[in-house]
Amino acid sequence: MTGKERAEQTLPISKRPNTAAARALVEHAGFVQGVFAVTGAAYKSAWVQEAFWRIALDTTIVCILVATIALMCRTLGCYALARST
């Protein structure tokens, strides 16, 4: 890597040379004239296409079950401890 290439990499995207590769990278990353464009496309992709909703539902079910079982065990333990004194 030459000194010029290293210097170009340290520049902000808006200051880098205007090449086809740089433009493609900027467009792919979701930047519009150096400013990030906020969209919900990534969230929609994660929830719908990658079925993240199913993973979130499974996690919620497991957490509720574990919390319920732990609460029952603690309640029985506290009752036994209270009756023993």
PDB file of N, CA and C in Angstrom:
ATOM      1  N   MET A   1       0.856  -1.171   0.000  1.00  0.00           N
ATOM      2  CA  MET A   1       0.000   0.000   0.000  1.00  0.00           C
ATOM      3  C   MET A   1       0.901   1.233   0.000  1.00  0.00           C
ATOM      4  N   THR A   2       0.624   2.129  -0.916  1.00  0.00           N
ATOM      5  CA  THR A   2       1.442   3.331  -1.023  1.00  0.00           C
ATOM      6  C   THR A   2       0.954   4.379  -0.034  1.00  0.00           C
ATOM      7  N   GLY A   3       1.765   5.389   0.149  1.00  0.00           N
ATOM      8  CA  GLY A   3       1.411   6.471   1.055  1.00  0.00           C
ATOM      9  C   GLY A   3       0.156   7.201   0.608  1.00  0.00           C
ATOM     10  N   LYS A   4      -0.001   7.334  -0.715  1.00  0.00           N
ATOM     11  CA  LYS A   4      -1.179   8.013  -1.249  1.00  0.00           C
ATOM     12  C   LYS A   4      -2.450   7.210  -0.936  1.00  0.00           C
ATOM     13  N   GLU A   5      -2.388   5.879  -1.075  1.00  0.00           N
ATOM     14  CA  GLU A   5      -3.552   5.040  -0.774  1.00  0.00           C
ATOM     15  C   GLU A   5      -3.912   5.128   0.707  1.00  0.00           C
ATOM     16  N   ARG A   6      -2.893   5.117   1.567  1.00  0.00           N
ATOM     17  CA  ARG A   6      -3.153   5.235   3.004  1.00  0.00           C
ATOM     18  C   ARG A   6      -3.789   6.587   3.333  1.00  0.00           C
ATOM     19  N   ALA A   7      -3.306   7.635   2.695  1.00  0.00           N
ATOM     20  CA  ALA A   7      -3.844   8.971   2.932  1.00  0.00           C
ATOM     21  C   ALA A   7      -5.296   9.054   2.475  1.00  0.00           C
ATOM     22  N   GLU A   8      -5.618   8.409   1.336  1.00  0.00           N
ATOM     23  CA  GLU A   8      -6.986   8.427   0.841  1.00  0.00           C
ATOM     24  C   GLU A   8      -7.935   7.671   1.780  1.00  0.00           C
ATOM     25  N   GLN A   9      -7.446   6.610   2.415  1.00  0.00           N
ATOM     26  CA  GLN A   9      -8.297   5.838   3.320  1.00  0.00           C
ATOM     27  C   GLN A   9      -8.624   6.612   4.589  1.00  0.00           C
ATOM     28  N   THR A  10      -7.775   7.525   4.986  1.00  0.00           N
ATOM     29  CA  THR A  10      -8.031   8.278   6.207  1.00  0.00           C
ATOM     30  C   THR A  10      -8.974   9.455   5.975  1.00  0.00           C
ATOM     31  N   LEU A  11      -9.235   9.781   4.720  1.00  0.00           N
ATOM     32  CA  LEU A  11     -10.145  10.880   4.415  1.00  0.00           C
ATOM     33  C   LEU A  11     -11.593  10.453   4.646  1.00  0.00           C
ATOM     34  N   PRO A  12     -12.475  11.386   5.027  1.00  0.00           N
ATOM     35  CA  PRO A  12     -13.901  11.056   5.098  1.00  0.00           C
ATOM     36  C   PRO A  12     -14.410  10.673   3.713  1.00  0.00           C
ATOM     37  N   ILE A  13     -15.483   9.934   3.665  1.00  0.00           N
ATOM     38  CA  ILE A  13     -15.999   9.456   2.384  1.00  0.00           C
ATOM     39  C   ILE A  13     -16.296  10.602   1.436  1.00  0.00           C
ATOM     40  N   SER A  14     -16.823  11.704   1.946  1.00  0.00           N
ATOM     41  CA  SER A  14     -17.170  12.828   1.068  1.00  0.00           C
ATOM     42  C   SER A  14     -15.941  13.461   0.425  1.00  0.00           C
ATOM     43  N   LYS A  15     -14.745  13.240   0.994  1.00  0.00           N
ATOM     44  CA  LYS A  15     -13.529  13.845   0.463  1.00  0.00           C
ATOM     45  C   LYS A  15     -12.709  12.870  -0.388  1.00  0.00           C
ATOM     46  N   ARG A  16     -13.113  11.610  -0.441  1.00  0.00           N
ATOM     47  CA  ARG A  16     -12.352  10.624  -1.202  1.00  0.00           C
ATOM     48  C   ARG A  16     -12.572  10.817  -2.694  1.00  0.00           C
ATOM     49  N   PRO A  17     -11.679  10.238  -3.505  1.00  0.00           N
ATOM     50  CA  PRO A  17     -11.832  10.378  -4.962  1.00  0.00           C
ATOM     51  C   PRO A  17     -13.168   9.818  -5.434  1.00  0.00           C
ATOM     52  N   ASN A  18     -13.729  10.440  -6.428  1.00  0.00           N
ATOM     53  CA  ASN A  18     -15.039  10.058  -6.943  1.00  0.00           C
ATOM     54  C   ASN A  18     -14.874   8.976  -8.001  1.00  0.00           C
ATOM     55  N   THR A  19     -14.667   7.746  -7.571  1.00  0.00           N
ATOM     56  CA  THR A  19     -14.523   6.628  -8.494  1.00  0.00           C
ATOM     57  C   THR A  19     -15.802   5.808  -8.475  1.00  0.00           C
ATOM     58  N   ALA A  20     -15.939   4.925  -9.442  1.00  0.00           N
ATOM     59  CA  ALA A  20     -17.136   4.079  -9.511  1.00  0.00           C
ATOM     60  C   ALA A  20     -17.221   3.175  -8.283  1.00  0.00           C
ATOM     61  N   ALA A  21     -16.091   2.645  -7.832  1.00  0.00           N
ATOM     62  CA  ALA A  21     -16.088   1.775  -6.665  1.00  0.00           C
ATOM     63  C   ALA A  21     -16.506   2.546  -5.411  1.00  0.00           C
ATOM     64  N   ALA A  22     -16.016   3.776  -5.277  1.00  0.00           N
ATOM     65  CA  ALA A  22     -16.372   4.590  -4.115  1.00  0.00           C
ATOM     66  C   ALA A  22     -17.853   4.928  -4.132  1.00  0.00           C
ATOM     67  N   ARG A  23     -18.380   5.257  -5.313  1.00  0.00           N
ATOM     68  CA  ARG A  23     -19.808   5.554  -5.416  1.00  0.00           C
ATOM     69  C   ARG A  23     -20.652   4.332  -5.069  1.00  0.00           C
ATOM     70  N   ALA A  24     -20.248   3.163  -5.536  1.00  0.00           N
ATOM     71  CA  ALA A  24     -20.999   1.940  -5.241  1.00  0.00           C
ATOM     72  C   ALA A  24     -20.990   1.648  -3.750  1.00  0.00           C
ATOM     73  N   LEU A  25     -19.849   1.855  -3.119  1.00  0.00           N
ATOM     74  CA  LEU A  25     -19.752   1.626  -1.678  1.00  0.00           C
ATOM     75  C   LEU A  25     -20.643   2.599  -0.914  1.00  0.00           C
ATOM     76  N   VAL A  26     -20.621   3.844  -1.316  1.00  0.00           N
ATOM     77  CA  VAL A  26     -21.431   4.860  -0.648  1.00  0.00           C
ATOM     78  C   VAL A  26     -22.916   4.536  -0.813  1.00  0.00           C
ATOM     79  N   GLU A  27     -23.327   4.140  -2.015  1.00  0.00           N
ATOM     80  CA  GLU A  27     -24.732   3.816  -2.253  1.00  0.00           C
ATOM     81  C   GLU A  27     -25.142   2.561  -1.487  1.00  0.00           C
ATOM     82  N   HIS A  28     -24.274   1.564  -1.443  1.00  0.00           N
ATOM     83  CA  HIS A  28     -24.582   0.316  -0.743  1.00  0.00           C
ATOM     84  C   HIS A  28     -24.689   0.538   0.760  1.00  0.00           C
ATOM     85  N   ALA A  29     -23.870   1.396   1.310  1.00  0.00           N
ATOM     86  CA  ALA A  29     -23.857   1.630   2.753  1.00  0.00           C
ATOM     87  C   ALA A  29     -25.029   2.486   3.207  1.00  0.00           C
ATOM     88  N   GLY A  30     -25.784   3.056   2.297  1.00  0.00           N
ATOM     89  CA  GLY A  30     -26.946   3.859   2.671  1.00  0.00           C
ATOM     90  C   GLY A  30     -26.613   5.317   2.906  1.00  0.00           C
ATOM     91  N   PHE A  31     -25.508   5.779   2.386  1.00  0.00           N
ATOM     92  CA  PHE A  31     -25.131   7.174   2.561  1.00  0.00           C
ATOM     93  C   PHE A  31     -25.677   7.998   1.408  1.00  0.00           C
ATOM     94  N   VAL A  32     -26.113   9.192   1.720  1.00  0.00           N
ATOM     95  CA  VAL A  32     -26.570  10.122   0.704  1.00  0.00           C
ATOM     96  C   VAL A  32     -25.751  11.393   0.882  1.00  0.00           C
ATOM     97  N   GLN A  33     -24.876  11.645  -0.029  1.00  0.00           N
ATOM     98  CA  GLN A  33     -23.989  12.811  -0.009  1.00  0.00           C
ATOM     99  C   GLN A  33     -23.265  12.916   1.336  1.00  0.00           C
ATOM    100  N   GLY A  34     -22.761  11.799   1.856  1.00  0.00           N
ATOM    101  CA  GLY A  34     -21.982  11.806   3.085  1.00  0.00           C
ATOM    102  C   GLY A  34     -22.808  11.790   4.357  1.00  0.00           C
ATOM    103  N   VAL A  35     -24.139  11.803   4.247  1.00  0.00           N
ATOM    104  CA  VAL A  35     -25.013  11.783   5.419  1.00  0.00           C
ATOM    105  C   VAL A  35     -25.776  10.473   5.412  1.00  0.00           C
ATOM    106  N   PHE A  36     -25.824   9.805   6.560  1.00  0.00           N
ATOM    107  CA  PHE A  36     -26.490   8.514   6.645  1.00  0.00           C
ATOM    108  C   PHE A  36     -27.993   8.675   6.492  1.00  0.00           C
ATOM    109  N   ALA A  37     -28.579   7.914   5.602  1.00  0.00           N
ATOM    110  CA  ALA A  37     -30.026   7.942   5.392  1.00  0.00           C
ATOM    111  C   ALA A  37     -30.660   6.883   6.286  1.00  0.00           C
ATOM    112  N   VAL A  38     -31.506   7.302   7.206  1.00  0.00           N
ATOM    113  CA  VAL A  38     -32.146   6.386   8.136  1.00  0.00           C
ATOM    114  C   VAL A  38     -33.376   5.783   7.466  1.00  0.00           C
ATOM    115  N   THR A  39     -33.361   4.458   7.336  1.00  0.00           N
ATOM    116  CA  THR A  39     -34.501   3.757   6.762  1.00  0.00           C
ATOM    117  C   THR A  39     -34.822   2.553   7.632  1.00  0.00           C
ATOM    118  N   GLY A  40     -35.991   2.015   7.474  1.00  0.00           N
ATOM    119  CA  GLY A  40     -36.393   0.828   8.229  1.00  0.00           C
ATOM    120  C   GLY A  40     -36.198  -0.452   7.451  1.00  0.00           C
ATOM    121  N   ALA A  41     -35.498  -0.400   6.340  1.00  0.00           N
ATOM    122  CA  ALA A  41     -35.335  -1.576   5.485  1.00  0.00           C
ATOM    123  C   ALA A  41     -34.590  -2.705   6.199  1.00  0.00           C
ATOM    124  N   ALA A  42     -33.573  -2.373   6.968  1.00  0.00           N
ATOM    125  CA  ALA A  42     -32.811  -3.409   7.659  1.00  0.00           C
ATOM    126  C   ALA A  42     -33.657  -4.081   8.738  1.00  0.00           C
ATOM    127  N   TYR A  43     -34.458  -3.293   9.446  1.00  0.00           N
ATOM    128  CA  TYR A  43     -35.324  -3.862  10.476  1.00  0.00           C
ATOM    129  C   TYR A  43     -36.394  -4.760   9.859  1.00  0.00           C
ATOM    130  N   LYS A  44     -36.960  -4.308   8.754  1.00  0.00           N
ATOM    131  CA  LYS A  44     -37.974  -5.123   8.073  1.00  0.00           C
ATOM    132  C   LYS A  44     -37.347  -6.424   7.585  1.00  0.00           C
ATOM    133  N   SER A  45     -36.149  -6.339   7.051  1.00  0.00           N
ATOM    134  CA  SER A  45     -35.463  -7.525   6.569  1.00  0.00           C
ATOM    135  C   SER A  45     -35.198  -8.501   7.712  1.00  0.00           C
ATOM    136  N   ALA A  46     -34.766  -7.996   8.849  1.00  0.00           N
ATOM    137  CA  ALA A  46     -34.462  -8.869   9.989  1.00  0.00           C
ATOM    138  C   ALA A  46     -35.726  -9.523  10.531  1.00  0.00           C
ATOM    139  N   TRP A  47     -36.811  -8.787  10.664  1.00  0.00           N
ATOM    140  CA  TRP A  47     -38.033  -9.327  11.256  1.00  0.00           C
ATOM    141  C   TRP A  47     -38.793 -10.234  10.300  1.00  0.00           C
ATOM    142  N   VAL A  48     -38.829  -9.884   9.012  1.00  0.00           N
ATOM    143  CA  VAL A  48     -39.654 -10.633   8.075  1.00  0.00           C
ATOM    144  C   VAL A  48     -38.857 -11.698   7.327  1.00  0.00           C
ATOM    145  N   GLN A  49     -37.826 -11.294   6.622  1.00  0.00           N
ATOM    146  CA  GLN A  49     -37.091 -12.233   5.776  1.00  0.00           C
ATOM    147  C   GLN A  49     -36.283 -13.241   6.584  1.00  0.00           C
ATOM    148  N   GLU A  50     -35.663 -12.803   7.655  1.00  0.00           N
ATOM    149  CA  GLU A  50     -34.827 -13.696   8.448  1.00  0.00           C
ATOM    150  C   GLU A  50     -35.588 -14.335   9.603  1.00  0.00           C
ATOM    151  N   ALA A  51     -36.890 -14.095   9.700  1.00  0.00           N
ATOM    152  CA  ALA A  51     -37.771 -14.674  10.722  1.00  0.00           C
ATOM    153  C   ALA A  51     -37.265 -14.408  12.134  1.00  0.00           C
ATOM    154  N   PHE A  52     -36.800 -13.183  12.375  1.00  0.00           N
ATOM    155  CA  PHE A  52     -36.342 -12.807  13.711  1.00  0.00           C
ATOM    156  C   PHE A  52     -37.494 -12.806  14.704  1.00  0.00           C
ATOM    157  N   TRP A  53     -38.706 -12.591  14.220  1.00  0.00           N
ATOM    158  CA  TRP A  53     -39.878 -12.595  15.099  1.00  0.00           C
ATOM    159  C   TRP A  53     -40.018 -13.936  15.790  1.00  0.00           C
ATOM    160  N   ARG A  54     -39.683 -15.010  15.104  1.00  0.00           N
ATOM    161  CA  ARG A  54     -39.780 -16.353  15.690  1.00  0.00           C
ATOM    162  C   ARG A  54     -38.742 -16.527  16.804  1.00  0.00           C
ATOM    163  N   ILE A  55     -37.542 -16.044  16.570  1.00  0.00           N
ATOM    164  CA  ILE A  55     -36.492 -16.129  17.584  1.00  0.00           C
ATOM    165  C   ILE A  55     -36.875 -15.300  18.806  1.00  0.00           C
ATOM    166  N   ALA A  56     -37.411 -14.111  18.585  1.00  0.00           N
ATOM    167  CA  ALA A  56     -37.830 -13.243  19.692  1.00  0.00           C
ATOM    168  C   ALA A  56     -38.968 -13.887  20.481  1.00  0.00           C
ATOM    169  N   LEU A  57     -39.909 -14.512  19.791  1.00  0.00           N
ATOM    170  CA  LEU A  57     -41.025 -15.186  20.457  1.00  0.00           C
ATOM    171  C   LEU A  57     -40.530 -16.367  21.295  1.00  0.00           C
ATOM    172  N   ASP A  58     -39.636 -17.175  20.732  1.00  0.00           N
ATOM    173  CA  ASP A  58     -39.072 -18.309  21.471  1.00  0.00           C
ATOM    174  C   ASP A  58     -38.339 -17.838  22.726  1.00  0.00           C
ATOM    175  N   THR A  59     -37.567 -16.788  22.601  1.00  0.00           N
ATOM    176  CA  THR A  59     -36.821 -16.247  23.733  1.00  0.00           C
ATOM    177  C   THR A  59     -37.768 -15.740  24.814  1.00  0.00           C
ATOM    178  N   THR A  60     -38.829 -15.061  24.400  1.00  0.00           N
ATOM    179  CA  THR A  60     -39.811 -14.551  25.363  1.00  0.00           C
ATOM    180  C   THR A  60     -40.491 -15.697  26.110  1.00  0.00           C
ATOM    181  N   ILE A  61     -40.868 -16.739  25.408  1.00  0.00           N
ATOM    182  CA  ILE A  61     -41.513 -17.897  26.040  1.00  0.00           C
ATOM    183  C   ILE A  61     -40.576 -18.547  27.051  1.00  0.00           C
ATOM    184  N   VAL A  62     -39.324 -18.753  26.669  1.00  0.00           N
ATOM    185  CA  VAL A  62     -38.356 -19.368  27.586  1.00  0.00           C
ATOM    186  C   VAL A  62     -38.154 -18.492  28.820  1.00  0.00           C
ATOM    187  N   CYS A  63     -38.031 -17.188  28.641  1.00  0.00           N
ATOM    188  CA  CYS A  63     -37.830 -16.285  29.784  1.00  0.00           C
ATOM    189  C   CYS A  63     -39.015 -16.311  30.738  1.00  0.00           C
ATOM    190  N   ILE A  64     -40.222 -16.314  30.201  1.00  0.00           N
ATOM    191  CA  ILE A  64     -41.419 -16.358  31.057  1.00  0.00           C
ATOM    192  C   ILE A  64     -41.484 -17.672  31.820  1.00  0.00           C
ATOM    193  N   LEU A  65     -41.211 -18.789  31.157  1.00  0.00           N
ATOM    194  CA  LEU A  65     -41.233 -20.087  31.830  1.00  0.00           C
ATOM    195  C   LEU A  65     -40.181 -20.176  32.933  1.00  0.00           C
ATOM    196  N   VAL A  66     -38.967 -19.737  32.647  1.00  0.00           N
ATOM    197  CA  VAL A  66     -37.896 -19.789  33.642  1.00  0.00           C
ATOM    198  C   VAL A  66     -38.233 -18.897  34.837  1.00  0.00           C
ATOM    199  N   ALA A  67     -38.742 -17.709  34.585  1.00  0.00           N
ATOM    200  CA  ALA A  67     -39.100 -16.800  35.674  1.00  0.00           C
ATOM    201  C   ALA A  67     -40.231 -17.388  36.516  1.00  0.00           C
ATOM    202  N   THR A  68     -41.204 -18.019  35.888  1.00  0.00           N
ATOM    203  CA  THR A  68     -42.321 -18.626  36.613  1.00  0.00           C
ATOM    204  C   THR A  68     -41.848 -19.780  37.490  1.00  0.00           C
ATOM    205  N   ILE A  69     -41.009 -20.652  36.942  1.00  0.00           N
ATOM    206  CA  ILE A  69     -40.483 -21.786  37.712  1.00  0.00           C
ATOM    207  C   ILE A  69     -39.628 -21.293  38.877  1.00  0.00           C
ATOM    208  N   ALA A  70     -38.782 -20.291  38.626  1.00  0.00           N
ATOM    209  CA  ALA A  70     -37.941 -19.744  39.691  1.00  0.00           C
ATOM    210  C   ALA A  70     -38.796 -19.108  40.785  1.00  0.00           C
ATOM    211  N   LEU A  71     -39.851 -18.416  40.413  1.00  0.00           N
ATOM    212  CA  LEU A  71     -40.736 -17.791  41.393  1.00  0.00           C
ATOM    213  C   LEU A  71     -41.442 -18.846  42.249  1.00  0.00           C
ATOM    214  N   MET A  72     -41.888 -19.918  41.618  1.00  0.00           N
ATOM    215  CA  MET A  72     -42.541 -20.989  42.378  1.00  0.00           C
ATOM    216  C   MET A  72     -41.568 -21.646  43.354  1.00  0.00           C
ATOM    217  N   CYS A  73     -40.354 -21.931  42.909  1.00  0.00           N
ATOM    218  CA  CYS A  73     -39.354 -22.560  43.785  1.00  0.00           C
ATOM    219  C   CYS A  73     -38.991 -21.634  44.949  1.00  0.00           C
ATOM    220  N   ARG A  74     -38.822 -20.372  44.678  1.00  0.00           N
ATOM    221  CA  ARG A  74     -38.489 -19.422  45.738  1.00  0.00           C
ATOM    222  C   ARG A  74     -39.632 -19.278  46.734  1.00  0.00           C
ATOM    223  N   THR A  75     -40.853 -19.256  46.224  1.00  0.00           N
ATOM    224  CA  THR A  75     -42.011 -19.143  47.106  1.00  0.00           C
ATOM    225  C   THR A  75     -42.099 -20.353  48.039  1.00  0.00           C
ATOM    226  N   LEU A  76     -41.923 -21.551  47.504  1.00  0.00           N
ATOM    227  CA  LEU A  76     -41.965 -22.758  48.331  1.00  0.00           C
ATOM    228  C   LEU A  76     -40.819 -22.770  49.342  1.00  0.00           C
ATOM    229  N   GLY A  77     -39.637 -22.329  48.925  1.00  0.00           N
ATOM    230  CA  GLY A  77     -38.504 -22.263  49.827  1.00  0.00           C
ATOM    231  C   GLY A  77     -38.708 -21.267  50.945  1.00  0.00           C
ATOM    232  N   CYS A  78     -39.253 -20.112  50.620  1.00  0.00           N
ATOM    233  CA  CYS A  78     -39.531 -19.096  51.645  1.00  0.00           C
ATOM    234  C   CYS A  78     -40.614 -19.586  52.601  1.00  0.00           C
ATOM    235  N   TYR A  79     -41.614 -20.276  52.111  1.00  0.00           N
ATOM    236  CA  TYR A  79     -42.659 -20.813  52.967  1.00  0.00           C
ATOM    237  C   TYR A  79     -42.069 -21.845  53.939  1.00  0.00           C
ATOM    238  N   ALA A  80     -41.224 -22.719  53.428  1.00  0.00           N
ATOM    239  CA  ALA A  80     -40.599 -23.728  54.285  1.00  0.00           C
ATOM    240  C   ALA A  80     -39.708 -23.075  55.319  1.00  0.00           C
ATOM    241  N   LEU A  81     -38.962 -22.056  54.933  1.00  0.00           N
ATOM    242  CA  LEU A  81     -38.083 -21.352  55.857  1.00  0.00           C
ATOM    243  C   LEU A  81     -38.893 -20.625  56.935  1.00  0.00           C
ATOM    244  N   ALA A  82     -40.011 -20.030  56.549  1.00  0.00           N
ATOM    245  CA  ALA A  82     -40.845 -19.315  57.508  1.00  0.00           C
ATOM    246  C   ALA A  82     -41.501 -20.282  58.503  1.00  0.00           C
ATOM    247  N   ARG A  83     -41.862 -21.453  58.068  1.00  0.00           N
ATOM    248  CA  ARG A  83     -42.514 -22.418  58.950  1.00  0.00           C
ATOM    249  C   ARG A  83     -41.508 -23.116  59.875  1.00  0.00           C
ATOM    250  N   SER A  84     -40.234 -23.105  59.532  1.00  0.00           N
ATOM    251  CA  SER A  84     -39.247 -23.852  60.329  1.00  0.00           C
ATOM    252  C   SER A  84     -38.809 -23.085  61.576  1.00  0.00           C
ATOM    253  N   THR A  85     -39.075 -21.809  61.681  1.00  0.00           N
ATOM    254  CA  THR A  85     -38.614 -21.055  62.867  1.00  0.00           C
ATOM    255  C   THR A  85     -39.654 -20.888  63.894  1.00  0.00           C
TER     256      THR A  85
END
